[in-house]
């Protein structure tokens, strides 16, 4: 009698990542993953203790992909910016995993590589060592929030996008100028969240890095 197939950790993560392309973390379950693999949940718990640990491992693979072939160049601000844009691009290809990274984080090799590069870049900035951890955390929080926010926009359907645009136009162009004078004044120039998000991403990050630079002795 042929025994049940043993799935490798990489095969499990491949299948989990594929399932997460069309679902979010809330609807994803170890039971659904086991069904997709043709096995039972208990066999997967030999690899991962729980759903959260599994999701973190899937997100970490995105971080590994981000760092694959990465070579730091330029000064500390250029290094942080280049890494941030690589993270944005990689998670942009797998937007459901961006939300997972923002919520659950990661603790694998990919995470260590990203942390190491950010910390190394900040050490070359001239900041005192005692200030670097706090500055590092602010950068990571900013990146996770921006990337997860963009991921949420990219996962909506065309129908949902059109509905949102219509609601935006009603909310902005239809604002009562007596009750919302500032909104009515700028209504023609206000743009929806989807407009030129890459430029906004770079500008917000640049402002944070400029703030850090101002603290350097």
N, C-alpha and C. Protein backbone atom coordinates (compact mmCIF):
# COMPACT_ATOMS: atom_id res chain seq x y z
N UNK A 1 0.84 -1.20 0.00
CA UNK A 1 0.00 0.00 0.00
C UNK A 1 0.88 1.25 0.00
N UNK A 2 0.60 2.17 -0.88
CA UNK A 2 1.39 3.39 -0.99
C UNK A 2 1.06 4.35 0.14
N UNK A 3 2.09 4.87 0.81
CA UNK A 3 1.87 5.81 1.91
C UNK A 3 1.49 7.19 1.40
N UNK A 4 0.94 7.98 2.28
CA UNK A 4 0.56 9.34 1.91
C UNK A 4 1.80 10.17 1.60
N UNK A 5 1.70 11.01 0.59
CA UNK A 5 2.85 11.81 0.18
C UNK A 5 3.24 12.79 1.28
N UNK A 6 4.54 12.96 1.44
CA UNK A 6 5.05 13.96 2.39
C UNK A 6 5.39 15.23 1.62
N UNK A 7 4.75 16.31 1.98
CA UNK A 7 4.99 17.59 1.32
C UNK A 7 6.16 18.30 2.00
N UNK A 8 7.03 18.91 1.18
CA UNK A 8 8.14 19.68 1.74
C UNK A 8 7.63 21.04 2.20
N UNK A 9 8.42 21.69 3.03
CA UNK A 9 8.06 23.03 3.50
C UNK A 9 7.89 24.00 2.33
N UNK A 10 8.79 23.91 1.34
CA UNK A 10 8.71 24.81 0.19
C UNK A 10 7.45 24.56 -0.63
N UNK A 11 7.07 23.31 -0.78
CA UNK A 11 5.85 23.00 -1.53
C UNK A 11 4.62 23.53 -0.80
N UNK A 12 4.63 23.43 0.51
CA UNK A 12 3.51 23.96 1.30
C UNK A 12 3.42 25.47 1.15
N UNK A 13 4.57 26.15 1.21
CA UNK A 13 4.57 27.60 1.08
C UNK A 13 4.19 28.04 -0.33
N UNK A 14 4.61 27.28 -1.34
CA UNK A 14 4.21 27.58 -2.72
C UNK A 14 2.69 27.56 -2.86
N UNK A 15 2.08 26.51 -2.32
CA UNK A 15 0.63 26.37 -2.42
C UNK A 15 -0.08 27.44 -1.60
N UNK A 16 0.44 27.75 -0.43
CA UNK A 16 -0.16 28.79 0.41
C UNK A 16 -0.11 30.14 -0.30
N UNK A 17 1.02 30.45 -0.91
CA UNK A 17 1.15 31.72 -1.63
C UNK A 17 0.17 31.79 -2.79
N UNK A 18 -0.03 30.67 -3.48
CA UNK A 18 -0.97 30.65 -4.60
C UNK A 18 -2.40 30.87 -4.10
N UNK A 19 -2.76 30.24 -2.99
CA UNK A 19 -4.10 30.45 -2.43
C UNK A 19 -4.31 31.90 -2.01
N UNK A 20 -3.26 32.51 -1.49
CA UNK A 20 -3.37 33.89 -1.00
C UNK A 20 -3.41 34.92 -2.13
N UNK A 21 -3.18 34.49 -3.35
CA UNK A 21 -3.31 35.42 -4.48
C UNK A 21 -4.77 35.78 -4.73
N UNK A 22 -5.65 34.90 -4.30
CA UNK A 22 -7.08 35.12 -4.56
C UNK A 22 -7.91 35.20 -3.28
N UNK A 23 -7.25 35.25 -2.13
CA UNK A 23 -7.98 35.36 -0.86
C UNK A 23 -7.15 36.17 0.12
N UNK A 24 -7.76 36.58 1.22
CA UNK A 24 -7.02 37.33 2.21
C UNK A 24 -6.69 36.46 3.42
N UNK A 25 -5.99 37.05 4.38
CA UNK A 25 -5.55 36.29 5.54
C UNK A 25 -6.72 35.79 6.38
N UNK A 26 -7.82 36.55 6.39
CA UNK A 26 -8.96 36.16 7.21
C UNK A 26 -9.64 34.90 6.68
N UNK A 27 -9.80 34.82 5.35
CA UNK A 27 -10.48 33.66 4.78
C UNK A 27 -9.54 32.48 4.56
N UNK A 28 -8.25 32.72 4.59
CA UNK A 28 -7.26 31.64 4.44
C UNK A 28 -7.25 30.79 5.70
N UNK A 29 -7.12 29.49 5.53
CA UNK A 29 -7.06 28.59 6.69
C UNK A 29 -6.13 27.42 6.39
N UNK A 30 -5.61 26.82 7.43
CA UNK A 30 -4.76 25.63 7.27
C UNK A 30 -5.59 24.49 6.67
N UNK A 31 -6.86 24.44 7.02
CA UNK A 31 -7.74 23.40 6.47
C UNK A 31 -7.86 23.53 4.96
N UNK A 32 -8.05 24.77 4.45
CA UNK A 32 -8.14 24.98 3.01
C UNK A 32 -6.81 24.64 2.33
N UNK A 33 -5.72 24.98 2.98
CA UNK A 33 -4.41 24.67 2.42
C UNK A 33 -4.21 23.16 2.33
N UNK A 34 -4.59 22.46 3.39
CA UNK A 34 -4.47 21.01 3.40
C UNK A 34 -5.31 20.38 2.29
N UNK A 35 -6.51 20.90 2.10
CA UNK A 35 -7.38 20.38 1.04
C UNK A 35 -6.75 20.58 -0.33
N UNK A 36 -6.13 21.74 -0.54
CA UNK A 36 -5.49 22.01 -1.83
C UNK A 36 -4.32 21.07 -2.08
N UNK A 37 -3.68 20.64 -1.00
CA UNK A 37 -2.54 19.73 -1.10
C UNK A 37 -2.97 18.26 -1.11
N UNK A 38 -4.25 18.03 -0.84
CA UNK A 38 -4.73 16.66 -0.79
C UNK A 38 -4.26 15.90 0.44
N UNK A 39 -4.17 16.62 1.55
CA UNK A 39 -3.74 16.00 2.80
C UNK A 39 -4.63 16.51 3.92
N UNK A 40 -4.27 16.22 5.17
CA UNK A 40 -5.04 16.72 6.30
C UNK A 40 -4.22 17.76 7.07
N UNK A 41 -4.92 18.55 7.86
CA UNK A 41 -4.26 19.66 8.57
C UNK A 41 -3.15 19.20 9.49
N UNK A 42 -3.32 18.04 10.12
CA UNK A 42 -2.33 17.58 11.09
C UNK A 42 -0.94 17.42 10.46
N UNK A 43 -0.90 17.05 9.18
CA UNK A 43 0.40 16.87 8.52
C UNK A 43 1.12 18.20 8.34
N UNK A 44 0.34 19.28 8.20
CA UNK A 44 0.96 20.60 8.02
C UNK A 44 1.48 21.16 9.33
N UNK A 45 0.85 20.77 10.43
CA UNK A 45 1.30 21.27 11.72
C UNK A 45 2.66 20.67 12.13
N UNK A 46 3.14 19.72 11.36
CA UNK A 46 4.50 19.24 11.60
C UNK A 46 5.52 20.25 11.10
N UNK A 47 5.07 21.11 10.18
CA UNK A 47 5.96 22.13 9.60
C UNK A 47 5.76 23.51 10.26
N UNK A 48 4.52 23.82 10.60
CA UNK A 48 4.19 25.12 11.19
C UNK A 48 3.26 24.91 12.38
N UNK A 49 3.53 25.60 13.46
CA UNK A 49 2.75 25.39 14.68
C UNK A 49 1.33 25.92 14.57
N UNK A 50 1.14 26.97 13.77
CA UNK A 50 -0.20 27.56 13.65
C UNK A 50 -0.28 28.39 12.37
N UNK A 51 -1.45 28.93 12.11
CA UNK A 51 -1.70 29.71 10.90
C UNK A 51 -0.81 30.94 10.84
N UNK A 52 -0.64 31.63 11.96
CA UNK A 52 0.16 32.86 11.97
C UNK A 52 1.60 32.57 11.58
N UNK A 53 2.16 31.50 12.10
CA UNK A 53 3.54 31.14 11.77
C UNK A 53 3.67 30.83 10.28
N UNK A 54 2.65 30.18 9.73
CA UNK A 54 2.65 29.88 8.30
C UNK A 54 2.58 31.15 7.47
N UNK A 55 1.71 32.08 7.84
CA UNK A 55 1.58 33.33 7.10
C UNK A 55 2.86 34.15 7.16
N UNK A 56 3.51 34.15 8.31
CA UNK A 56 4.78 34.87 8.42
C UNK A 56 5.83 34.27 7.49
N UNK A 57 5.83 32.95 7.39
CA UNK A 57 6.80 32.29 6.51
C UNK A 57 6.53 32.62 5.05
N UNK A 58 5.26 32.71 4.66
CA UNK A 58 4.92 33.07 3.28
C UNK A 58 5.38 34.51 3.00
N UNK A 59 5.11 35.41 3.93
CA UNK A 59 5.54 36.81 3.75
C UNK A 59 7.06 36.91 3.68
N UNK A 60 7.74 36.07 4.44
CA UNK A 60 9.20 36.14 4.44
C UNK A 60 9.79 35.78 3.09
N UNK A 61 9.09 34.94 2.35
CA UNK A 61 9.58 34.59 1.02
C UNK A 61 9.57 35.81 0.09
N UNK A 62 8.62 36.72 0.31
CA UNK A 62 8.60 37.96 -0.48
C UNK A 62 9.82 38.81 -0.14
N UNK A 63 10.16 38.85 1.14
CA UNK A 63 11.34 39.60 1.55
C UNK A 63 12.61 38.99 0.96
N UNK A 64 12.66 37.66 0.92
CA UNK A 64 13.80 36.98 0.30
C UNK A 64 13.90 37.34 -1.18
N UNK A 65 12.76 37.37 -1.87
CA UNK A 65 12.75 37.74 -3.28
C UNK A 65 13.20 39.18 -3.46
N UNK A 66 12.83 40.05 -2.54
CA UNK A 66 13.24 41.46 -2.60
C UNK A 66 14.75 41.58 -2.52
N UNK A 67 15.37 40.79 -1.66
CA UNK A 67 16.81 40.89 -1.44
C UNK A 67 17.62 40.10 -2.44
N UNK A 68 16.97 39.25 -3.23
CA UNK A 68 17.70 38.45 -4.21
C UNK A 68 18.32 39.35 -5.28
N UNK A 69 19.63 39.32 -5.38
CA UNK A 69 20.33 40.15 -6.36
C UNK A 69 20.51 41.60 -5.95
N UNK A 70 20.12 41.93 -4.73
CA UNK A 70 20.24 43.32 -4.27
C UNK A 70 21.69 43.64 -3.91
N UNK A 71 22.16 44.78 -4.38
CA UNK A 71 23.52 45.25 -4.06
C UNK A 71 23.41 46.71 -3.63
N UNK A 72 23.75 47.03 -2.38
CA UNK A 72 23.62 48.41 -1.91
C UNK A 72 24.55 49.35 -2.67
N UNK A 73 24.00 50.48 -3.08
CA UNK A 73 24.78 51.49 -3.78
C UNK A 73 24.40 52.87 -3.28
N UNK A 74 25.34 53.80 -3.34
CA UNK A 74 25.06 55.18 -2.97
C UNK A 74 25.19 55.44 -1.48
N UNK A 75 24.71 56.63 -1.08
CA UNK A 75 24.78 56.98 0.34
C UNK A 75 23.64 56.32 1.09
N UNK A 76 23.52 56.60 2.37
CA UNK A 76 22.54 55.89 3.20
C UNK A 76 21.11 56.15 2.76
N UNK A 77 20.82 57.38 2.33
CA UNK A 77 19.45 57.69 1.88
C UNK A 77 19.12 56.97 0.58
N UNK A 78 20.09 56.89 -0.31
CA UNK A 78 19.86 56.17 -1.56
C UNK A 78 19.66 54.68 -1.30
N UNK A 79 20.38 54.14 -0.34
CA UNK A 79 20.23 52.72 -0.01
C UNK A 79 18.85 52.42 0.57
N UNK A 80 18.42 53.26 1.50
CA UNK A 80 17.09 53.05 2.10
C UNK A 80 16.00 53.21 1.04
N UNK A 81 16.14 54.21 0.19
CA UNK A 81 15.14 54.45 -0.85
C UNK A 81 15.08 53.29 -1.84
N UNK A 82 16.25 52.81 -2.26
CA UNK A 82 16.29 51.70 -3.22
C UNK A 82 15.64 50.45 -2.62
N UNK A 83 15.94 50.17 -1.36
CA UNK A 83 15.35 49.00 -0.71
C UNK A 83 13.84 49.16 -0.57
N UNK A 84 13.41 50.36 -0.20
CA UNK A 84 11.97 50.62 -0.03
C UNK A 84 11.23 50.41 -1.35
N UNK A 85 11.79 50.89 -2.44
CA UNK A 85 11.14 50.74 -3.75
C UNK A 85 11.13 49.28 -4.20
N UNK A 86 12.18 48.53 -3.85
CA UNK A 86 12.18 47.09 -4.16
C UNK A 86 11.09 46.37 -3.38
N UNK A 87 10.93 46.72 -2.11
CA UNK A 87 9.87 46.12 -1.30
C UNK A 87 8.50 46.45 -1.90
N UNK A 88 8.31 47.69 -2.27
CA UNK A 88 7.04 48.11 -2.86
C UNK A 88 6.74 47.34 -4.14
N UNK A 89 7.76 47.19 -4.98
CA UNK A 89 7.56 46.50 -6.25
C UNK A 89 7.27 45.01 -6.04
N UNK A 90 8.01 44.37 -5.16
CA UNK A 90 7.83 42.93 -4.94
C UNK A 90 6.47 42.64 -4.33
N UNK A 91 6.09 43.40 -3.32
CA UNK A 91 4.78 43.19 -2.71
C UNK A 91 3.66 43.62 -3.66
N UNK A 92 3.95 44.54 -4.57
CA UNK A 92 2.95 44.93 -5.55
C UNK A 92 2.55 43.78 -6.45
N UNK A 93 3.46 42.82 -6.64
CA UNK A 93 3.15 41.64 -7.45
C UNK A 93 2.34 40.61 -6.66
N UNK A 94 2.34 40.71 -5.34
CA UNK A 94 1.59 39.81 -4.48
C UNK A 94 0.91 40.62 -3.38
N UNK A 95 -0.07 41.44 -3.76
CA UNK A 95 -0.65 42.41 -2.82
C UNK A 95 -1.28 41.80 -1.56
N UNK A 96 -1.84 40.60 -1.67
CA UNK A 96 -2.42 39.99 -0.47
C UNK A 96 -1.35 39.75 0.59
N UNK A 97 -0.15 39.45 0.15
CA UNK A 97 0.93 39.19 1.10
C UNK A 97 1.44 40.47 1.74
N UNK A 98 1.24 41.61 1.07
CA UNK A 98 1.64 42.89 1.66
C UNK A 98 0.83 43.16 2.92
N UNK A 99 -0.47 42.90 2.85
CA UNK A 99 -1.32 43.10 4.03
C UNK A 99 -0.91 42.15 5.15
N UNK A 100 -0.53 40.94 4.79
CA UNK A 100 -0.10 39.95 5.79
C UNK A 100 1.19 40.41 6.45
N UNK A 101 2.14 40.92 5.64
CA UNK A 101 3.40 41.41 6.20
C UNK A 101 3.14 42.58 7.15
N UNK A 102 2.26 43.49 6.74
CA UNK A 102 1.95 44.64 7.58
C UNK A 102 1.31 44.23 8.90
N UNK A 103 0.54 43.14 8.88
CA UNK A 103 -0.16 42.72 10.09
C UNK A 103 0.65 41.77 10.96
N UNK A 104 1.27 40.77 10.31
CA UNK A 104 1.94 39.72 11.08
C UNK A 104 3.45 39.86 11.15
N UNK A 105 4.03 40.60 10.20
CA UNK A 105 5.48 40.71 10.18
C UNK A 105 6.11 39.42 9.70
N UNK A 106 7.39 39.27 9.96
CA UNK A 106 8.12 38.08 9.52
C UNK A 106 9.33 37.92 10.41
N UNK A 107 9.79 36.69 10.56
CA UNK A 107 10.95 36.47 11.41
C UNK A 107 11.98 35.56 10.80
N UNK A 108 11.93 35.38 9.46
CA UNK A 108 12.84 34.47 8.78
C UNK A 108 14.05 35.16 8.21
N UNK A 109 14.74 34.46 7.33
CA UNK A 109 15.97 34.97 6.73
C UNK A 109 15.72 36.24 5.92
N UNK A 110 14.60 36.27 5.19
CA UNK A 110 14.29 37.47 4.42
C UNK A 110 14.16 38.69 5.29
N UNK A 111 13.49 38.52 6.42
CA UNK A 111 13.33 39.62 7.37
C UNK A 111 14.69 40.07 7.90
N UNK A 112 15.55 39.12 8.22
CA UNK A 112 16.88 39.47 8.74
C UNK A 112 17.69 40.24 7.70
N UNK A 113 17.57 39.84 6.44
CA UNK A 113 18.32 40.53 5.38
C UNK A 113 17.86 41.97 5.22
N UNK A 114 16.55 42.19 5.27
CA UNK A 114 16.01 43.55 5.16
C UNK A 114 16.44 44.38 6.37
N UNK A 115 16.32 43.81 7.56
CA UNK A 115 16.72 44.51 8.78
C UNK A 115 18.19 44.87 8.74
N UNK A 116 19.02 43.92 8.30
CA UNK A 116 20.46 44.15 8.25
C UNK A 116 20.80 45.31 7.32
N UNK A 117 20.18 45.34 6.14
CA UNK A 117 20.48 46.40 5.19
C UNK A 117 20.04 47.76 5.71
N UNK A 118 18.85 47.84 6.30
CA UNK A 118 18.38 49.12 6.84
C UNK A 118 19.29 49.60 7.97
N UNK A 119 19.65 48.70 8.85
CA UNK A 119 20.52 49.08 9.98
C UNK A 119 21.91 49.48 9.50
N UNK A 120 22.45 48.73 8.52
CA UNK A 120 23.76 49.07 7.97
C UNK A 120 23.73 50.46 7.32
N UNK A 121 22.66 50.73 6.57
CA UNK A 121 22.54 52.04 5.93
C UNK A 121 22.48 53.15 6.96
N UNK A 122 21.70 52.95 8.01
CA UNK A 122 21.58 53.98 9.05
C UNK A 122 22.89 54.17 9.80
N UNK A 123 23.67 53.12 9.95
CA UNK A 123 24.97 53.26 10.64
C UNK A 123 25.93 54.12 9.85
N UNK A 124 25.78 54.13 8.52
CA UNK A 124 26.67 54.97 7.71
C UNK A 124 26.19 56.41 7.63
N UNK A 125 25.02 56.69 8.21
CA UNK A 125 24.46 58.05 8.12
C UNK A 125 25.15 59.03 9.06
N UNK A 126 25.79 58.51 10.08
CA UNK A 126 26.39 59.38 11.08
C UNK A 126 25.56 59.51 12.34
N UNK A 127 24.39 58.86 12.38
CA UNK A 127 23.58 58.87 13.60
C UNK A 127 24.31 58.13 14.72
N UNK A 128 24.18 58.59 15.96
CA UNK A 128 24.73 57.83 17.09
C UNK A 128 24.04 56.47 17.18
N UNK A 129 24.76 55.45 17.55
CA UNK A 129 24.21 54.09 17.63
C UNK A 129 22.94 54.01 18.47
N UNK A 130 22.89 54.78 19.55
CA UNK A 130 21.75 54.69 20.45
C UNK A 130 20.45 55.20 19.82
N UNK A 131 20.57 55.99 18.75
CA UNK A 131 19.38 56.52 18.09
C UNK A 131 18.91 55.66 16.92
N UNK A 132 19.75 54.77 16.45
CA UNK A 132 19.44 54.01 15.24
C UNK A 132 18.23 53.08 15.40
N UNK A 133 18.09 52.32 16.50
CA UNK A 133 16.91 51.44 16.59
C UNK A 133 15.58 52.17 16.46
N UNK A 134 15.45 53.33 17.10
CA UNK A 134 14.20 54.08 17.03
C UNK A 134 13.95 54.58 15.60
N UNK A 135 14.99 55.05 14.93
CA UNK A 135 14.84 55.53 13.56
C UNK A 135 14.50 54.37 12.62
N UNK A 136 15.12 53.22 12.87
CA UNK A 136 14.83 52.03 12.07
C UNK A 136 13.35 51.66 12.19
N UNK A 137 12.82 51.64 13.41
CA UNK A 137 11.43 51.25 13.62
C UNK A 137 10.47 52.21 12.92
N UNK A 138 10.79 53.49 12.92
CA UNK A 138 9.91 54.45 12.26
C UNK A 138 9.88 54.22 10.75
N UNK A 139 11.03 53.90 10.18
CA UNK A 139 11.08 53.63 8.75
C UNK A 139 10.27 52.39 8.42
N UNK A 140 10.42 51.33 9.19
CA UNK A 140 9.71 50.08 8.92
C UNK A 140 8.20 50.27 9.06
N UNK A 141 7.79 50.98 10.10
CA UNK A 141 6.35 51.25 10.28
C UNK A 141 5.80 52.03 9.09
N UNK A 142 6.55 53.02 8.65
CA UNK A 142 6.12 53.83 7.50
C UNK A 142 6.01 52.97 6.25
N UNK A 143 7.02 52.15 5.97
CA UNK A 143 7.01 51.32 4.77
C UNK A 143 5.88 50.30 4.81
N UNK A 144 5.70 49.64 5.96
CA UNK A 144 4.65 48.63 6.07
C UNK A 144 3.28 49.26 5.85
N UNK A 145 3.07 50.45 6.41
CA UNK A 145 1.78 51.12 6.27
C UNK A 145 1.53 51.54 4.83
N UNK A 146 2.52 52.12 4.19
CA UNK A 146 2.36 52.58 2.80
C UNK A 146 2.15 51.41 1.85
N UNK A 147 2.96 50.37 2.01
CA UNK A 147 2.87 49.22 1.10
C UNK A 147 1.56 48.47 1.30
N UNK A 148 1.15 48.28 2.54
CA UNK A 148 -0.12 47.59 2.80
C UNK A 148 -1.29 48.40 2.27
N UNK A 149 -1.21 49.73 2.40
CA UNK A 149 -2.28 50.59 1.89
C UNK A 149 -2.41 50.46 0.37
N UNK A 150 -1.29 50.49 -0.33
CA UNK A 150 -1.32 50.34 -1.77
C UNK A 150 -1.84 48.96 -2.17
N UNK A 151 -1.47 47.94 -1.40
CA UNK A 151 -1.93 46.59 -1.70
C UNK A 151 -3.44 46.50 -1.63
N UNK A 152 -4.02 47.18 -0.66
CA UNK A 152 -5.48 47.16 -0.52
C UNK A 152 -6.16 47.75 -1.74
N UNK A 153 -5.58 48.81 -2.30
CA UNK A 153 -6.14 49.44 -3.49
C UNK A 153 -6.05 48.50 -4.69
N UNK A 154 -4.91 47.81 -4.81
CA UNK A 154 -4.68 47.00 -6.01
C UNK A 154 -5.49 45.72 -6.05
N UNK A 155 -6.09 45.33 -4.94
CA UNK A 155 -6.85 44.07 -4.92
C UNK A 155 -8.33 44.26 -5.21
N UNK A 156 -8.79 45.50 -5.35
CA UNK A 156 -10.22 45.70 -5.61
C UNK A 156 -10.53 45.40 -7.07
N UNK A 157 -11.76 45.03 -7.34
CA UNK A 157 -12.19 44.71 -8.70
C UNK A 157 -12.44 45.99 -9.49
N UNK A 158 -12.47 45.91 -10.82
CA UNK A 158 -12.80 47.11 -11.62
C UNK A 158 -14.14 47.71 -11.23
N UNK A 159 -15.12 46.87 -10.92
CA UNK A 159 -16.43 47.37 -10.51
C UNK A 159 -16.34 48.14 -9.20
N UNK A 160 -15.58 47.59 -8.25
CA UNK A 160 -15.40 48.27 -6.97
C UNK A 160 -14.65 49.59 -7.16
N UNK A 161 -13.70 49.60 -8.09
CA UNK A 161 -12.93 50.82 -8.35
C UNK A 161 -13.85 51.92 -8.89
N UNK A 162 -14.69 51.56 -9.84
CA UNK A 162 -15.61 52.54 -10.43
C UNK A 162 -16.60 53.06 -9.39
N UNK A 163 -17.09 52.18 -8.53
CA UNK A 163 -17.98 52.61 -7.46
C UNK A 163 -17.28 53.59 -6.53
N UNK A 164 -16.03 53.26 -6.20
CA UNK A 164 -15.26 54.15 -5.33
C UNK A 164 -15.02 55.50 -5.96
N UNK A 165 -14.72 55.52 -7.27
CA UNK A 165 -14.50 56.78 -7.96
C UNK A 165 -15.77 57.62 -7.99
N UNK A 166 -16.90 56.98 -8.19
CA UNK A 166 -18.16 57.71 -8.19
C UNK A 166 -18.44 58.31 -6.82
N UNK A 167 -18.19 57.53 -5.77
CA UNK A 167 -18.40 58.03 -4.41
C UNK A 167 -17.44 59.19 -4.12
N UNK A 168 -16.21 59.09 -4.63
CA UNK A 168 -15.23 60.15 -4.44
C UNK A 168 -15.72 61.44 -5.10
N UNK A 169 -16.20 61.32 -6.33
CA UNK A 169 -16.67 62.51 -7.04
C UNK A 169 -17.86 63.16 -6.33
N UNK A 170 -18.76 62.32 -5.83
CA UNK A 170 -19.93 62.85 -5.11
C UNK A 170 -19.48 63.55 -3.82
N UNK A 171 -18.57 62.89 -3.10
CA UNK A 171 -18.12 63.43 -1.82
C UNK A 171 -17.38 64.76 -1.98
N UNK A 172 -16.58 64.87 -3.05
CA UNK A 172 -15.75 66.05 -3.23
C UNK A 172 -16.49 67.15 -4.00
N UNK A 173 -16.95 66.81 -5.18
CA UNK A 173 -17.57 67.84 -6.02
C UNK A 173 -18.95 68.25 -5.51
N UNK A 174 -19.57 67.38 -4.73
CA UNK A 174 -20.89 67.71 -4.23
C UNK A 174 -20.89 68.28 -2.82
N UNK A 175 -19.73 68.65 -2.31
CA UNK A 175 -19.64 69.17 -0.94
C UNK A 175 -20.30 70.53 -0.82
N UNK A 176 -21.07 70.71 0.24
CA UNK A 176 -21.74 71.98 0.53
C UNK A 176 -20.68 73.02 0.90
N UNK A 177 -20.51 74.09 0.12
CA UNK A 177 -19.44 75.06 0.40
C UNK A 177 -19.60 75.80 1.72
N UNK A 178 -20.81 75.86 2.25
CA UNK A 178 -21.00 76.53 3.53
C UNK A 178 -20.53 75.64 4.69
N UNK A 179 -20.79 74.35 4.57
CA UNK A 179 -20.39 73.43 5.63
C UNK A 179 -18.95 72.95 5.46
N UNK A 180 -18.51 72.81 4.19
CA UNK A 180 -17.15 72.32 3.90
C UNK A 180 -16.44 73.31 2.98
N UNK A 181 -16.15 74.52 3.47
CA UNK A 181 -15.59 75.56 2.60
C UNK A 181 -14.23 75.20 2.00
N UNK A 182 -13.35 74.58 2.78
CA UNK A 182 -12.02 74.22 2.27
C UNK A 182 -12.14 73.14 1.20
N UNK A 183 -12.98 72.14 1.46
CA UNK A 183 -13.16 71.06 0.50
C UNK A 183 -13.74 71.60 -0.81
N UNK A 184 -14.73 72.47 -0.71
CA UNK A 184 -15.32 73.05 -1.91
C UNK A 184 -14.29 73.90 -2.69
N UNK A 185 -13.42 74.59 -1.94
CA UNK A 185 -12.41 75.44 -2.57
C UNK A 185 -11.41 74.62 -3.38
N UNK A 186 -10.99 73.47 -2.84
CA UNK A 186 -9.96 72.65 -3.49
C UNK A 186 -10.54 71.47 -4.28
N UNK A 187 -11.85 71.40 -4.41
CA UNK A 187 -12.50 70.22 -4.99
C UNK A 187 -11.95 69.85 -6.36
N UNK A 188 -11.70 70.83 -7.21
CA UNK A 188 -11.25 70.55 -8.57
C UNK A 188 -9.82 70.02 -8.62
N UNK A 189 -9.07 70.22 -7.56
CA UNK A 189 -7.66 69.82 -7.56
C UNK A 189 -7.38 68.59 -6.70
N UNK A 190 -8.35 68.16 -5.88
CA UNK A 190 -8.16 66.98 -5.04
C UNK A 190 -8.21 65.74 -5.92
N UNK A 191 -7.23 64.83 -5.71
CA UNK A 191 -7.16 63.61 -6.50
C UNK A 191 -7.46 62.39 -5.63
N UNK A 192 -8.02 61.34 -6.22
CA UNK A 192 -8.28 60.12 -5.44
C UNK A 192 -6.98 59.45 -5.03
N UNK A 193 -7.07 58.50 -4.09
CA UNK A 193 -5.88 57.87 -3.53
C UNK A 193 -5.04 57.13 -4.57
N UNK A 194 -5.66 56.72 -5.65
CA UNK A 194 -4.92 55.94 -6.64
C UNK A 194 -4.03 56.76 -7.55
N UNK A 195 -4.09 58.06 -7.46
CA UNK A 195 -3.35 58.92 -8.38
C UNK A 195 -1.87 59.01 -8.01
N UNK A 196 -1.01 58.54 -8.91
CA UNK A 196 0.44 58.67 -8.79
C UNK A 196 0.95 58.26 -7.40
N UNK A 197 0.64 57.04 -7.02
CA UNK A 197 1.01 56.58 -5.69
C UNK A 197 2.52 56.38 -5.54
N UNK A 198 3.21 56.05 -6.62
CA UNK A 198 4.66 55.86 -6.53
C UNK A 198 5.35 57.17 -6.16
N UNK A 199 4.93 58.26 -6.79
CA UNK A 199 5.52 59.56 -6.48
C UNK A 199 5.22 59.94 -5.03
N UNK A 200 4.00 59.67 -4.59
CA UNK A 200 3.65 59.98 -3.20
C UNK A 200 4.48 59.14 -2.24
N UNK A 201 4.67 57.87 -2.58
CA UNK A 201 5.47 56.96 -1.76
C UNK A 201 6.89 57.52 -1.59
N UNK A 202 7.52 57.91 -2.70
CA UNK A 202 8.88 58.43 -2.66
C UNK A 202 8.96 59.75 -1.89
N UNK A 203 7.94 60.58 -2.06
CA UNK A 203 7.95 61.89 -1.38
C UNK A 203 7.81 61.73 0.13
N UNK A 204 6.91 60.85 0.55
CA UNK A 204 6.71 60.63 1.99
C UNK A 204 7.96 60.03 2.61
N UNK A 205 8.57 59.06 1.92
CA UNK A 205 9.80 58.46 2.43
C UNK A 205 10.92 59.49 2.49
N UNK A 206 11.04 60.31 1.45
CA UNK A 206 12.09 61.34 1.42
C UNK A 206 11.94 62.31 2.59
N UNK A 207 10.71 62.65 2.94
CA UNK A 207 10.48 63.55 4.07
C UNK A 207 10.96 62.92 5.37
N UNK A 208 10.69 61.62 5.53
CA UNK A 208 11.14 60.92 6.73
C UNK A 208 12.67 60.86 6.80
N UNK A 209 13.31 60.59 5.67
CA UNK A 209 14.77 60.53 5.65
C UNK A 209 15.39 61.91 5.88
N UNK A 210 14.75 62.94 5.37
CA UNK A 210 15.24 64.31 5.60
C UNK A 210 15.14 64.65 7.09
N UNK A 211 14.06 64.19 7.73
CA UNK A 211 13.90 64.42 9.16
C UNK A 211 15.03 63.73 9.93
N UNK A 212 15.35 62.49 9.53
CA UNK A 212 16.46 61.77 10.18
C UNK A 212 17.77 62.52 9.97
N UNK A 213 17.99 62.96 8.74
CA UNK A 213 19.23 63.64 8.41
C UNK A 213 19.41 64.91 9.27
N UNK A 214 18.32 65.56 9.57
CA UNK A 214 18.40 66.78 10.38
C UNK A 214 18.83 66.49 11.81
N UNK A 215 18.70 65.24 12.25
CA UNK A 215 19.09 64.88 13.61
C UNK A 215 20.54 64.44 13.72
N UNK A 216 21.21 64.33 12.58
CA UNK A 216 22.60 63.85 12.60
C UNK A 216 23.51 64.96 13.11
N UNK A 217 24.34 64.66 14.09
CA UNK A 217 25.22 65.70 14.66
C UNK A 217 26.15 66.29 13.59
